[in-house]
Amino acid sequence: MENQNQAAAPGRASSREMKIPESLQKVYAIGAAGGFTPYDFRILFFDAGRFQPEAKVEVTLSPIAAKELRNWLDNLVKDFEKKVRKIELPGEQSKEPQQKKGAGASAAAGSTAASSMRMFG
């Protein structure tokens, strides 16, 4: 049975709608990694596993769909930051007083490792 909910397709004319079935599987991801070939983009979304990140789903997109997705997400993030709050990435925290030399070096290294593991871009 299909849900009567409909949503505009990202990156497409707003008059284009899609049906969303009630049985649609939902996945929560904390990060993504991926790459591309000459023919498509592949994105692996993952969640925090017990001992290491756990892959939840892989999405394959055409180059056009990948660019539309990027534009759609850029617009959503800008709108979110305008209406809700600024999103700060690890290592991008608001400028606080500098720590003494040596004390901040290990903290900065930890932030870098965490953000590179996510590989969002």
N, C-alpha and C. Protein backbone atom coordinates (compact mmCIF):
# COMPACT_ATOMS: atom_id res chain seq x y z
N MET A 1 0.85 -1.18 0.00
CA MET A 1 0.00 0.00 0.00
C MET A 1 0.90 1.24 0.00
N GLU A 2 0.57 2.19 -0.85
CA GLU A 2 1.41 3.38 -0.94
C GLU A 2 0.85 4.51 -0.10
N ASN A 3 1.74 5.28 0.44
CA ASN A 3 1.40 6.44 1.25
C ASN A 3 0.95 7.56 0.32
N GLN A 4 0.05 8.37 0.74
CA GLN A 4 -0.39 9.50 -0.06
C GLN A 4 0.61 10.66 -0.01
N ASN A 5 1.62 10.54 0.86
CA ASN A 5 2.66 11.56 0.92
C ASN A 5 3.37 11.63 -0.41
N GLN A 6 3.65 12.85 -0.85
CA GLN A 6 4.41 13.03 -2.07
C GLN A 6 5.45 14.10 -1.81
N ALA A 7 6.55 14.02 -2.51
CA ALA A 7 7.62 14.99 -2.33
C ALA A 7 8.16 15.39 -3.68
N ALA A 8 8.61 16.64 -3.76
CA ALA A 8 9.25 17.10 -5.00
C ALA A 8 10.59 16.39 -5.13
N ALA A 9 10.91 15.97 -6.34
CA ALA A 9 12.19 15.31 -6.59
C ALA A 9 13.32 16.33 -6.50
N PRO A 10 14.38 16.04 -5.73
CA PRO A 10 15.50 16.97 -5.60
C PRO A 10 16.11 17.31 -6.95
N GLY A 11 16.39 18.60 -7.16
CA GLY A 11 17.07 19.03 -8.36
C GLY A 11 16.19 19.09 -9.59
N ARG A 12 14.98 18.73 -9.47
CA ARG A 12 14.06 18.70 -10.62
C ARG A 12 13.03 19.81 -10.46
N ALA A 13 12.29 20.04 -11.52
CA ALA A 13 11.23 21.05 -11.45
C ALA A 13 10.29 20.69 -10.30
N SER A 14 9.87 21.70 -9.55
CA SER A 14 9.06 21.44 -8.36
C SER A 14 7.72 20.81 -8.70
N SER A 15 7.29 20.87 -9.96
CA SER A 15 6.02 20.26 -10.33
C SER A 15 6.13 18.74 -10.43
N ARG A 16 7.36 18.21 -10.50
CA ARG A 16 7.55 16.77 -10.58
C ARG A 16 7.48 16.20 -9.17
N GLU A 17 6.61 15.24 -8.97
CA GLU A 17 6.42 14.66 -7.66
C GLU A 17 6.65 13.16 -7.72
N MET A 18 6.86 12.57 -6.56
CA MET A 18 7.03 11.12 -6.49
C MET A 18 6.16 10.58 -5.39
N LYS A 19 5.76 9.33 -5.54
CA LYS A 19 5.00 8.65 -4.50
C LYS A 19 5.99 8.03 -3.53
N ILE A 20 5.66 8.07 -2.25
CA ILE A 20 6.51 7.50 -1.22
C ILE A 20 5.73 6.35 -0.57
N PRO A 21 6.16 5.10 -0.82
CA PRO A 21 5.42 3.97 -0.24
C PRO A 21 5.59 3.93 1.28
N GLU A 22 4.57 3.43 1.97
CA GLU A 22 4.64 3.32 3.43
C GLU A 22 5.76 2.38 3.87
N SER A 23 6.10 1.43 3.01
CA SER A 23 7.12 0.43 3.35
C SER A 23 8.55 0.91 3.05
N LEU A 24 8.72 2.15 2.68
CA LEU A 24 10.04 2.68 2.35
C LEU A 24 11.01 2.47 3.51
N GLN A 25 12.15 1.85 3.24
CA GLN A 25 13.16 1.63 4.27
C GLN A 25 13.85 2.96 4.57
N LYS A 26 14.01 3.26 5.86
CA LYS A 26 14.69 4.48 6.28
C LYS A 26 16.01 4.12 6.90
N VAL A 27 17.06 4.89 6.59
CA VAL A 27 18.41 4.64 7.09
C VAL A 27 18.93 5.94 7.68
N TYR A 28 19.51 5.87 8.89
CA TYR A 28 20.15 7.02 9.51
C TYR A 28 21.65 6.85 9.34
N ALA A 29 22.30 7.87 8.79
CA ALA A 29 23.74 7.79 8.55
C ALA A 29 24.45 8.92 9.28
N ILE A 30 25.65 8.63 9.78
CA ILE A 30 26.49 9.66 10.40
C ILE A 30 27.60 10.10 9.46
N GLY A 31 27.72 9.43 8.33
CA GLY A 31 28.78 9.79 7.40
C GLY A 31 28.62 9.09 6.08
N ALA A 32 29.50 9.47 5.15
CA ALA A 32 29.47 8.89 3.82
C ALA A 32 30.88 8.85 3.25
N ALA A 33 31.12 7.88 2.42
CA ALA A 33 32.38 7.77 1.69
C ALA A 33 32.02 7.32 0.29
N GLY A 34 32.88 7.59 -0.64
CA GLY A 34 32.55 7.15 -1.99
C GLY A 34 33.56 7.61 -3.01
N GLY A 35 33.19 7.45 -4.23
CA GLY A 35 34.05 7.83 -5.33
C GLY A 35 33.26 7.84 -6.63
N PHE A 36 34.00 7.85 -7.73
CA PHE A 36 33.33 7.91 -9.02
C PHE A 36 34.10 7.13 -10.07
N THR A 37 33.39 6.77 -11.12
CA THR A 37 33.97 6.19 -12.32
C THR A 37 33.61 7.17 -13.44
N PRO A 38 34.04 6.91 -14.66
CA PRO A 38 33.60 7.80 -15.76
C PRO A 38 32.09 7.77 -15.98
N TYR A 39 31.41 6.76 -15.39
CA TYR A 39 29.99 6.58 -15.67
C TYR A 39 29.06 6.92 -14.51
N ASP A 40 29.55 6.85 -13.27
CA ASP A 40 28.65 7.10 -12.15
C ASP A 40 29.41 7.48 -10.88
N PHE A 41 28.64 7.95 -9.90
CA PHE A 41 29.15 8.26 -8.56
C PHE A 41 28.56 7.22 -7.62
N ARG A 42 29.38 6.77 -6.65
CA ARG A 42 28.90 5.80 -5.67
C ARG A 42 29.14 6.37 -4.28
N ILE A 43 28.10 6.34 -3.47
CA ILE A 43 28.17 6.87 -2.12
C ILE A 43 27.77 5.76 -1.16
N LEU A 44 28.64 5.47 -0.21
CA LEU A 44 28.38 4.48 0.82
C LEU A 44 28.06 5.24 2.10
N PHE A 45 26.84 5.10 2.60
CA PHE A 45 26.44 5.77 3.83
C PHE A 45 26.66 4.82 4.99
N PHE A 46 27.19 5.36 6.10
CA PHE A 46 27.47 4.50 7.25
C PHE A 46 26.98 5.11 8.55
N ASP A 47 26.85 4.22 9.54
CA ASP A 47 26.43 4.59 10.89
C ASP A 47 27.52 4.11 11.83
N ALA A 48 27.47 4.55 13.06
CA ALA A 48 28.46 4.12 14.04
C ALA A 48 28.15 2.67 14.42
N GLY A 49 29.09 1.80 14.17
CA GLY A 49 28.95 0.42 14.60
C GLY A 49 29.49 0.30 16.02
N ARG A 50 29.44 -0.88 16.57
CA ARG A 50 29.93 -1.06 17.94
C ARG A 50 31.43 -0.83 18.03
N PHE A 51 32.19 -1.36 17.07
CA PHE A 51 33.65 -1.22 17.11
C PHE A 51 34.21 -0.43 15.94
N GLN A 52 33.44 -0.27 14.88
CA GLN A 52 33.88 0.48 13.71
C GLN A 52 32.64 0.91 12.93
N PRO A 53 32.80 1.89 12.04
CA PRO A 53 31.63 2.31 11.25
C PRO A 53 31.04 1.12 10.50
N GLU A 54 29.72 1.12 10.37
CA GLU A 54 29.03 0.02 9.70
C GLU A 54 28.27 0.55 8.49
N ALA A 55 28.58 0.02 7.30
CA ALA A 55 27.90 0.43 6.08
C ALA A 55 26.42 0.07 6.16
N LYS A 56 25.58 1.00 5.74
CA LYS A 56 24.13 0.78 5.78
C LYS A 56 23.53 0.64 4.39
N VAL A 57 24.01 1.46 3.45
CA VAL A 57 23.45 1.44 2.10
C VAL A 57 24.45 2.08 1.13
N GLU A 58 24.45 1.60 -0.10
CA GLU A 58 25.25 2.22 -1.15
C GLU A 58 24.29 2.79 -2.18
N VAL A 59 24.56 4.02 -2.62
CA VAL A 59 23.73 4.68 -3.62
C VAL A 59 24.61 4.96 -4.83
N THR A 60 24.12 4.62 -6.01
CA THR A 60 24.83 4.89 -7.26
C THR A 60 24.04 5.95 -8.02
N LEU A 61 24.73 7.00 -8.44
CA LEU A 61 24.09 8.14 -9.12
C LEU A 61 24.78 8.41 -10.46
N SER A 62 23.99 8.86 -11.42
CA SER A 62 24.59 9.36 -12.66
C SER A 62 25.32 10.66 -12.34
N PRO A 63 26.27 11.10 -13.17
CA PRO A 63 26.94 12.38 -12.91
C PRO A 63 25.96 13.55 -12.79
N ILE A 64 24.91 13.55 -13.62
CA ILE A 64 23.92 14.64 -13.54
C ILE A 64 23.17 14.58 -12.21
N ALA A 65 22.76 13.38 -11.80
CA ALA A 65 22.05 13.24 -10.53
C ALA A 65 22.95 13.63 -9.36
N ALA A 66 24.24 13.30 -9.44
CA ALA A 66 25.18 13.67 -8.37
C ALA A 66 25.28 15.18 -8.24
N LYS A 67 25.35 15.86 -9.36
CA LYS A 67 25.45 17.33 -9.32
C LYS A 67 24.15 17.94 -8.82
N GLU A 68 23.01 17.38 -9.23
CA GLU A 68 21.72 17.87 -8.74
C GLU A 68 21.60 17.65 -7.23
N LEU A 69 22.06 16.49 -6.75
CA LEU A 69 22.05 16.20 -5.32
C LEU A 69 22.90 17.21 -4.56
N ARG A 70 24.09 17.50 -5.08
CA ARG A 70 24.97 18.47 -4.43
C ARG A 70 24.29 19.84 -4.35
N ASN A 71 23.69 20.28 -5.45
CA ASN A 71 23.01 21.59 -5.45
C ASN A 71 21.84 21.60 -4.48
N TRP A 72 21.07 20.52 -4.46
CA TRP A 72 19.92 20.42 -3.57
C TRP A 72 20.36 20.45 -2.11
N LEU A 73 21.41 19.68 -1.77
CA LEU A 73 21.92 19.69 -0.39
C LEU A 73 22.51 21.04 -0.02
N ASP A 74 23.24 21.68 -0.94
CA ASP A 74 23.78 23.02 -0.66
C ASP A 74 22.65 23.98 -0.28
N ASN A 75 21.56 23.95 -1.04
CA ASN A 75 20.42 24.83 -0.75
C ASN A 75 19.77 24.49 0.59
N LEU A 76 19.62 23.20 0.90
CA LEU A 76 19.02 22.81 2.18
C LEU A 76 19.88 23.24 3.36
N VAL A 77 21.20 23.05 3.24
CA VAL A 77 22.11 23.44 4.32
C VAL A 77 22.05 24.96 4.53
N LYS A 78 22.07 25.74 3.45
CA LYS A 78 21.99 27.20 3.58
C LYS A 78 20.69 27.60 4.26
N ASP A 79 19.59 26.97 3.87
CA ASP A 79 18.29 27.28 4.47
C ASP A 79 18.26 26.88 5.94
N PHE A 80 18.81 25.71 6.29
CA PHE A 80 18.88 25.26 7.68
C PHE A 80 19.68 26.26 8.51
N GLU A 81 20.85 26.66 8.01
CA GLU A 81 21.70 27.58 8.77
C GLU A 81 21.07 28.97 8.91
N LYS A 82 20.27 29.34 7.96
CA LYS A 82 19.57 30.63 8.03
C LYS A 82 18.44 30.58 9.06
N LYS A 83 17.71 29.44 9.09
CA LYS A 83 16.53 29.34 9.94
C LYS A 83 16.77 28.71 11.31
N VAL A 84 17.77 27.83 11.43
CA VAL A 84 17.95 27.07 12.67
C VAL A 84 19.25 27.47 13.37
N ARG A 85 20.39 27.09 12.81
CA ARG A 85 21.69 27.42 13.40
C ARG A 85 22.79 27.06 12.42
N LYS A 86 23.96 27.62 12.65
CA LYS A 86 25.13 27.30 11.84
C LYS A 86 25.58 25.88 12.17
N ILE A 87 25.93 25.14 11.14
CA ILE A 87 26.44 23.78 11.33
C ILE A 87 27.96 23.87 11.37
N GLU A 88 28.54 23.44 12.48
CA GLU A 88 30.00 23.46 12.62
C GLU A 88 30.54 22.06 12.47
N LEU A 89 31.49 21.88 11.57
CA LEU A 89 32.13 20.59 11.36
C LEU A 89 33.24 20.38 12.38
N PRO A 90 33.61 19.14 12.65
CA PRO A 90 34.75 18.90 13.55
C PRO A 90 35.98 19.65 13.03
N GLY A 91 36.68 20.32 13.94
CA GLY A 91 37.85 21.11 13.55
C GLY A 91 37.50 22.51 13.09
N GLU A 92 36.20 22.80 12.98
CA GLU A 92 35.73 24.12 12.55
C GLU A 92 35.06 24.87 13.69
N GLN A 93 35.17 24.37 14.93
CA GLN A 93 34.47 24.98 16.05
C GLN A 93 34.75 26.48 16.10
N SER A 94 33.80 27.17 16.71
CA SER A 94 33.95 28.62 16.81
C SER A 94 35.29 28.96 17.46
N LYS A 95 35.83 30.07 17.04
CA LYS A 95 37.16 30.46 17.50
C LYS A 95 37.17 30.74 18.99
N GLU A 96 37.87 29.88 19.71
CA GLU A 96 38.03 30.05 21.15
C GLU A 96 39.46 30.47 21.39
N PRO A 97 39.77 30.96 22.57
CA PRO A 97 41.16 31.33 22.86
C PRO A 97 42.10 30.17 22.56
N GLN A 98 43.23 30.48 21.94
CA GLN A 98 44.22 29.46 21.58
C GLN A 98 44.78 28.79 22.81
N GLN A 99 44.94 27.47 22.74
CA GLN A 99 45.55 26.74 23.84
C GLN A 99 47.07 26.92 23.74
N LYS A 100 47.73 26.62 24.84
CA LYS A 100 49.18 26.72 24.85
C LYS A 100 49.77 25.76 23.85
N LYS A 101 50.91 26.11 23.30
CA LYS A 101 51.59 25.28 22.34
C LYS A 101 51.80 23.89 22.92
N GLY A 102 51.52 22.86 22.14
CA GLY A 102 51.67 21.49 22.62
C GLY A 102 50.35 20.92 23.09
N ALA A 103 49.59 21.66 23.85
CA ALA A 103 48.32 21.17 24.38
C ALA A 103 47.29 21.02 23.26
N GLY A 104 47.30 21.96 22.32
CA GLY A 104 46.32 21.91 21.23
C GLY A 104 46.71 20.99 20.11
N ALA A 105 47.97 20.60 20.01
CA ALA A 105 48.42 19.79 18.90
C ALA A 105 47.72 18.43 18.86
N SER A 106 47.60 17.76 20.01
CA SER A 106 46.95 16.45 20.00
C SER A 106 45.45 16.59 19.78
N ALA A 107 44.84 17.64 20.29
CA ALA A 107 43.41 17.84 20.07
C ALA A 107 43.15 18.09 18.59
N ALA A 108 43.99 18.89 17.95
CA ALA A 108 43.81 19.16 16.53
C ALA A 108 43.98 17.89 15.71
N ALA A 109 44.93 17.05 16.08
CA ALA A 109 45.15 15.80 15.35
C ALA A 109 43.92 14.90 15.48
N GLY A 110 43.31 14.86 16.65
CA GLY A 110 42.11 14.05 16.85
C GLY A 110 40.96 14.53 15.99
N SER A 111 40.79 15.84 15.90
CA SER A 111 39.72 16.39 15.08
C SER A 111 39.94 16.05 13.61
N THR A 112 41.17 16.13 13.16
CA THR A 112 41.48 15.82 11.77
C THR A 112 41.15 14.37 11.47
N ALA A 113 41.52 13.47 12.37
CA ALA A 113 41.25 12.06 12.14
C ALA A 113 39.75 11.79 12.07
N ALA A 114 38.98 12.42 12.94
CA ALA A 114 37.54 12.21 12.95
C ALA A 114 36.90 12.72 11.66
N SER A 115 37.31 13.91 11.19
CA SER A 115 36.68 14.46 10.00
C SER A 115 37.13 13.72 8.75
N SER A 116 38.36 13.20 8.69
CA SER A 116 38.79 12.48 7.50
C SER A 116 38.11 11.12 7.42
N MET A 117 37.74 10.53 8.56
CA MET A 117 37.06 9.25 8.57
C MET A 117 35.69 9.37 7.92
N ARG A 118 35.05 10.48 8.07
CA ARG A 118 33.71 10.65 7.52
C ARG A 118 33.72 10.78 6.01
N MET A 119 34.73 11.37 5.45
CA MET A 119 34.90 11.50 4.01
C MET A 119 33.64 12.00 3.31
N PHE A 120 33.08 13.10 3.77
CA PHE A 120 31.85 13.61 3.17
C PHE A 120 32.05 14.28 1.83
N GLY A 121 33.23 14.58 1.43
CA GLY A 121 33.34 15.35 0.20
C GLY A 121 34.14 14.82 -0.89
